[in-house]
Amino acid sequence: MDIRSGGDGPNQDQIAELRARADAGDRNAAGRLGELLAKRGDQEGALELWARTYGADSPTTKRLAELLAERGDLADAVTVWTFSDVVWQNPAGLHAEYLDTLDALDRLECEDDPEDWAFIEAEELAGLLAERGDEAALAELRARADAGDPAAAKRLTQPRM
């Protein structure tokens, strides 16, 4: 389905159709709808939709986005979800649509390894939890710092929230 209307973006009927499909359990429609909501400025709506749709399968993404939103970083919370594997790899999503416009070489440069993003996400979540004084997260950072991870050591020296 082409949800663009004359290049101006999706119209209300198309948004309503995506919402109905998402409510019926279509995860691809929910991912696309979340992207469009965020693009239109409804960051909270997008975050809520992604958390409801993908949160059980992506608990790290969900928790990281929640922490960022709690501290007022809605744009960063949206970025966490848009780069999460479930949204990034969505065949109906804006990223897939963009990749389809590229030649094979340029496309290869834009694709990433979901395991890399998952590691970055987990690292960021541990850091945010440590800033809040979460003992498990602090222990994880200490262990990584003791193993020679300079980013973990730096995170341990930052003031807590």
C-alpha atoms as a PDB file:
ATOM      1  CA  MET A   1       0.000   0.000   0.000  1.00  0.00           C
ATOM      2  CA  ASP A   2       1.350   3.428  -0.897  1.00  0.00           C
ATOM      3  CA  ILE A   3       0.369   5.568   2.055  1.00  0.00           C
ATOM      4  CA  ARG A   4       1.593   8.788   0.530  1.00  0.00           C
ATOM      5  CA  SER A   5      -0.966  11.135  -0.937  1.00  0.00           C
ATOM      6  CA  GLY A   6       0.422  13.277  -3.686  1.00  0.00           C
ATOM      7  CA  GLY A   7       3.804  13.642  -1.960  1.00  0.00           C
ATOM      8  CA  ASP A   8       2.354  15.491   1.035  1.00  0.00           C
ATOM      9  CA  GLY A   9       2.405  12.442   3.249  1.00  0.00           C
ATOM     10  CA  PRO A  10      -0.377  10.188   4.414  1.00  0.00           C
ATOM     11  CA  ASN A  11      -3.944  11.425   4.529  1.00  0.00           C
ATOM     12  CA  GLN A  12      -6.321  10.809   7.415  1.00  0.00           C
ATOM     13  CA  ASP A  13      -8.010   7.833   5.700  1.00  0.00           C
ATOM     14  CA  GLN A  14      -4.651   6.130   5.234  1.00  0.00           C
ATOM     15  CA  ILE A  15      -3.698   6.800   8.859  1.00  0.00           C
ATOM     16  CA  ALA A  16      -7.069   5.406   9.957  1.00  0.00           C
ATOM     17  CA  GLU A  17      -6.503   2.293   7.829  1.00  0.00           C
ATOM     18  CA  LEU A  18      -3.065   1.737   9.359  1.00  0.00           C
ATOM     19  CA  ARG A  19      -4.512   2.265  12.843  1.00  0.00           C
ATOM     20  CA  ALA A  20      -7.279  -0.297  12.182  1.00  0.00           C
ATOM     21  CA  ARG A  21      -4.758  -2.817  10.845  1.00  0.00           C
ATOM     22  CA  ALA A  22      -2.466  -2.180  13.826  1.00  0.00           C
ATOM     23  CA  ASP A  23      -5.373  -2.611  16.247  1.00  0.00           C
ATOM     24  CA  ALA A  24      -6.161  -5.911  14.514  1.00  0.00           C
ATOM     25  CA  GLY A  25      -2.623  -7.141  15.246  1.00  0.00           C
ATOM     26  CA  ASP A  26      -0.750  -6.214  12.059  1.00  0.00           C
ATOM     27  CA  ARG A  27       2.706  -5.474  13.487  1.00  0.00           C
ATOM     28  CA  ASN A  28       4.028  -4.092  10.202  1.00  0.00           C
ATOM     29  CA  ALA A  29       1.150  -1.607  10.037  1.00  0.00           C
ATOM     30  CA  ALA A  30       1.815  -0.644  13.672  1.00  0.00           C
ATOM     31  CA  GLY A  31       5.486  -0.045  12.939  1.00  0.00           C
ATOM     32  CA  ARG A  32       4.683   2.089   9.927  1.00  0.00           C
ATOM     33  CA  LEU A  33       1.968   3.972  11.816  1.00  0.00           C
ATOM     34  CA  GLY A  34       4.387   4.709  14.656  1.00  0.00           C
ATOM     35  CA  GLU A  35       6.931   6.097  12.208  1.00  0.00           C
ATOM     36  CA  LEU A  36       4.303   8.306  10.621  1.00  0.00           C
ATOM     37  CA  LEU A  37       2.958   9.516  13.969  1.00  0.00           C
ATOM     38  CA  ALA A  38       6.483  10.465  15.051  1.00  0.00           C
ATOM     39  CA  LYS A  39       7.156  12.179  11.734  1.00  0.00           C
ATOM     40  CA  ARG A  40       3.934  14.189  12.144  1.00  0.00           C
ATOM     41  CA  GLY A  41       4.961  15.281  15.654  1.00  0.00           C
ATOM     42  CA  ASP A  42       2.933  12.834  17.770  1.00  0.00           C
ATOM     43  CA  GLN A  43       5.969  11.390  19.532  1.00  0.00           C
ATOM     44  CA  GLU A  44       4.008  10.223  22.573  1.00  0.00           C
ATOM     45  CA  GLY A  45       1.487   8.428  20.356  1.00  0.00           C
ATOM     46  CA  ALA A  46       4.281   6.727  18.445  1.00  0.00           C
ATOM     47  CA  LEU A  47       6.063   5.657  21.633  1.00  0.00           C
ATOM     48  CA  GLU A  48       2.868   4.271  23.130  1.00  0.00           C
ATOM     49  CA  LEU A  49       2.047   2.340  19.948  1.00  0.00           C
ATOM     50  CA  TRP A  50       5.532   0.827  19.616  1.00  0.00           C
ATOM     51  CA  ALA A  51       5.665  -0.117  23.307  1.00  0.00           C
ATOM     52  CA  ARG A  52       2.268  -1.811  23.084  1.00  0.00           C
ATOM     53  CA  THR A  53       3.065  -3.584  19.809  1.00  0.00           C
ATOM     54  CA  TYR A  54       6.705  -4.560  20.258  1.00  0.00           C
ATOM     55  CA  GLY A  55       7.457  -4.109  23.963  1.00  0.00           C
ATOM     56  CA  ALA A  56       7.105  -7.761  24.943  1.00  0.00           C
ATOM     57  CA  ASP A  57       9.549  -8.785  22.191  1.00  0.00           C
ATOM     58  CA  SER A  58      11.908  -5.841  22.704  1.00  0.00           C
ATOM     59  CA  PRO A  59      12.068  -5.229  26.469  1.00  0.00           C
ATOM     60  CA  THR A  60      15.430  -3.458  26.342  1.00  0.00           C
ATOM     61  CA  THR A  61      14.190  -1.059  23.680  1.00  0.00           C
ATOM     62  CA  LYS A  62      10.977  -0.476  25.599  1.00  0.00           C
ATOM     63  CA  ARG A  63      12.732   0.226  28.914  1.00  0.00           C
ATOM     64  CA  LEU A  64      15.368   2.484  27.339  1.00  0.00           C
ATOM     65  CA  ALA A  65      12.693   4.493  25.502  1.00  0.00           C
ATOM     66  CA  GLU A  66      10.665   4.761  28.726  1.00  0.00           C
ATOM     67  CA  LEU A  67      13.640   6.088  30.689  1.00  0.00           C
ATOM     68  CA  LEU A  68      14.461   8.630  28.008  1.00  0.00           C
ATOM     69  CA  ALA A  69      10.827   9.767  27.824  1.00  0.00           C
ATOM     70  CA  GLU A  70      10.661  10.042  31.635  1.00  0.00           C
ATOM     71  CA  ARG A  71      13.518  12.501  31.588  1.00  0.00           C
ATOM     72  CA  GLY A  72      11.903  14.471  28.761  1.00  0.00           C
ATOM     73  CA  ASP A  73      13.981  13.180  25.848  1.00  0.00           C
ATOM     74  CA  LEU A  74      11.051  12.235  23.600  1.00  0.00           C
ATOM     75  CA  ALA A  75      13.073  12.657  20.401  1.00  0.00           C
ATOM     76  CA  ASP A  76      15.753  10.291  21.710  1.00  0.00           C
ATOM     77  CA  ALA A  77      13.080   7.821  22.825  1.00  0.00           C
ATOM     78  CA  VAL A  78      11.618   7.871  19.310  1.00  0.00           C
ATOM     79  CA  THR A  79      15.087   7.338  17.855  1.00  0.00           C
ATOM     80  CA  VAL A  80      15.571   4.290  20.080  1.00  0.00           C
ATOM     81  CA  TRP A  81      12.428   2.715  18.652  1.00  0.00           C
ATOM     82  CA  THR A  82      13.042   3.752  15.031  1.00  0.00           C
ATOM     83  CA  PHE A  83      16.458   2.112  15.130  1.00  0.00           C
ATOM     84  CA  SER A  84      15.262  -0.946  17.015  1.00  0.00           C
ATOM     85  CA  ASP A  85      15.346  -4.133  15.008  1.00  0.00           C
ATOM     86  CA  VAL A  86      11.566  -4.561  14.960  1.00  0.00           C
ATOM     87  CA  VAL A  87      10.962  -1.126  13.426  1.00  0.00           C
ATOM     88  CA  TRP A  88      14.199  -0.811  11.409  1.00  0.00           C
ATOM     89  CA  GLN A  89      13.655  -4.155   9.670  1.00  0.00           C
ATOM     90  CA  ASN A  90       9.898  -3.642   9.160  1.00  0.00           C
ATOM     91  CA  PRO A  91       9.259  -4.420   5.465  1.00  0.00           C
ATOM     92  CA  ALA A  92       6.435  -1.839   5.412  1.00  0.00           C
ATOM     93  CA  GLY A  93       8.485   0.813   7.212  1.00  0.00           C
ATOM     94  CA  LEU A  94      10.001   4.076   6.099  1.00  0.00           C
ATOM     95  CA  HIS A  95      13.536   2.665   6.358  1.00  0.00           C
ATOM     96  CA  ALA A  96      12.699  -0.191   3.974  1.00  0.00           C
ATOM     97  CA  GLU A  97      11.048   2.283   1.612  1.00  0.00           C
ATOM     98  CA  TYR A  98      14.192   4.445   1.666  1.00  0.00           C
ATOM     99  CA  LEU A  99      16.485   1.448   1.073  1.00  0.00           C
ATOM    100  CA  ASP A 100      14.428   0.520  -1.996  1.00  0.00           C
ATOM    101  CA  THR A 101      15.490   3.815  -3.615  1.00  0.00           C
ATOM    102  CA  LEU A 102      19.212   2.968  -3.345  1.00  0.00           C
ATOM    103  CA  ASP A 103      21.439   0.983  -5.657  1.00  0.00           C
ATOM    104  CA  ALA A 104      22.965  -2.232  -4.280  1.00  0.00           C
ATOM    105  CA  LEU A 105      26.266  -0.658  -3.150  1.00  0.00           C
ATOM    106  CA  ASP A 106      24.654   2.286  -1.366  1.00  0.00           C
ATOM    107  CA  ARG A 107      22.102  -0.048   0.194  1.00  0.00           C
ATOM    108  CA  LEU A 108      24.841  -2.264   1.618  1.00  0.00           C
ATOM    109  CA  GLU A 109      26.436   0.761   3.300  1.00  0.00           C
ATOM    110  CA  CYS A 110      23.123   1.670   4.981  1.00  0.00           C
ATOM    111  CA  GLU A 111      22.316  -1.742   6.400  1.00  0.00           C
ATOM    112  CA  ASP A 112      23.501  -2.555   9.885  1.00  0.00           C
ATOM    113  CA  ASP A 113      23.756  -5.589  12.084  1.00  0.00           C
ATOM    114  CA  PRO A 114      20.874  -5.838  14.568  1.00  0.00           C
ATOM    115  CA  GLU A 115      23.248  -7.404  17.093  1.00  0.00           C
ATOM    116  CA  ASP A 116      25.329  -4.210  17.056  1.00  0.00           C
ATOM    117  CA  TRP A 117      22.277  -2.078  17.784  1.00  0.00           C
ATOM    118  CA  ALA A 118      21.128  -4.461  20.529  1.00  0.00           C
ATOM    119  CA  PHE A 119      24.543  -4.135  22.205  1.00  0.00           C
ATOM    120  CA  ILE A 120      24.479  -0.331  21.979  1.00  0.00           C
ATOM    121  CA  GLU A 121      20.932  -0.265  23.321  1.00  0.00           C
ATOM    122  CA  ALA A 122      21.784  -2.546  26.266  1.00  0.00           C
ATOM    123  CA  GLU A 123      24.848  -0.450  27.044  1.00  0.00           C
ATOM    124  CA  GLU A 124      22.825   2.772  27.013  1.00  0.00           C
ATOM    125  CA  LEU A 125      20.116   1.232  29.203  1.00  0.00           C
ATOM    126  CA  ALA A 126      22.698   0.054  31.745  1.00  0.00           C
ATOM    127  CA  GLY A 127      24.178   3.543  31.804  1.00  0.00           C
ATOM    128  CA  LEU A 128      20.832   5.243  32.376  1.00  0.00           C
ATOM    129  CA  LEU A 129      19.898   2.768  35.101  1.00  0.00           C
ATOM    130  CA  ALA A 130      23.290   3.267  36.746  1.00  0.00           C
ATOM    131  CA  GLU A 131      22.724   7.027  36.716  1.00  0.00           C
ATOM    132  CA  ARG A 132      19.559   6.330  38.704  1.00  0.00           C
ATOM    133  CA  GLY A 133      21.515   4.243  41.213  1.00  0.00           C
ATOM    134  CA  ASP A 134      20.297   0.811  40.069  1.00  0.00           C
ATOM    135  CA  GLU A 135      22.644  -1.635  41.814  1.00  0.00           C
ATOM    136  CA  ALA A 136      22.470  -4.328  39.124  1.00  0.00           C
ATOM    137  CA  ALA A 137      23.349  -1.810  36.426  1.00  0.00           C
ATOM    138  CA  LEU A 138      26.182  -0.388  38.547  1.00  0.00           C
ATOM    139  CA  ALA A 139      27.546  -3.910  39.095  1.00  0.00           C
ATOM    140  CA  GLU A 140      27.419  -4.543  35.351  1.00  0.00           C
ATOM    141  CA  LEU A 141      29.273  -1.296  34.644  1.00  0.00           C
ATOM    142  CA  ARG A 142      31.877  -2.091  37.314  1.00  0.00           C
ATOM    143  CA  ALA A 143      32.453  -5.546  35.813  1.00  0.00           C
ATOM    144  CA  ARG A 144      32.851  -4.080  32.326  1.00  0.00           C
ATOM    145  CA  ALA A 145      35.179  -1.365  33.643  1.00  0.00           C
ATOM    146  CA  ASP A 146      37.251  -3.978  35.470  1.00  0.00           C
ATOM    147  CA  ALA A 147      37.495  -5.909  32.197  1.00  0.00           C
ATOM    148  CA  GLY A 148      38.994  -2.822  30.526  1.00  0.00           C
ATOM    149  CA  ASP A 149      35.939  -1.142  28.985  1.00  0.00           C
ATOM    150  CA  PRO A 150      36.776   2.599  29.017  1.00  0.00           C
ATOM    151  CA  ALA A 151      33.176   3.632  28.199  1.00  0.00           C
ATOM    152  CA  ALA A 152      31.918   1.746  31.267  1.00  0.00           C
ATOM    153  CA  ALA A 153      34.599   3.326  33.442  1.00  0.00           C
ATOM    154  CA  LYS A 154      33.612   6.776  32.184  1.00  0.00           C
ATOM    155  CA  ARG A 155      29.917   6.067  32.876  1.00  0.00           C
ATOM    156  CA  LEU A 156      30.789   5.164  36.474  1.00  0.00           C
ATOM    157  CA  THR A 157      32.368   8.583  37.025  1.00  0.00           C
ATOM    158  CA  GLN A 158      29.297  10.502  35.822  1.00  0.00           C
ATOM    159  CA  PRO A 159      27.038  11.970  38.508  1.00  0.00           C
ATOM    160  CA  ARG A 160      23.819  10.138  39.303  1.00  0.00           C
ATOM    161  CA  MET A 161      20.383  11.633  38.669  1.00  0.00           C
END
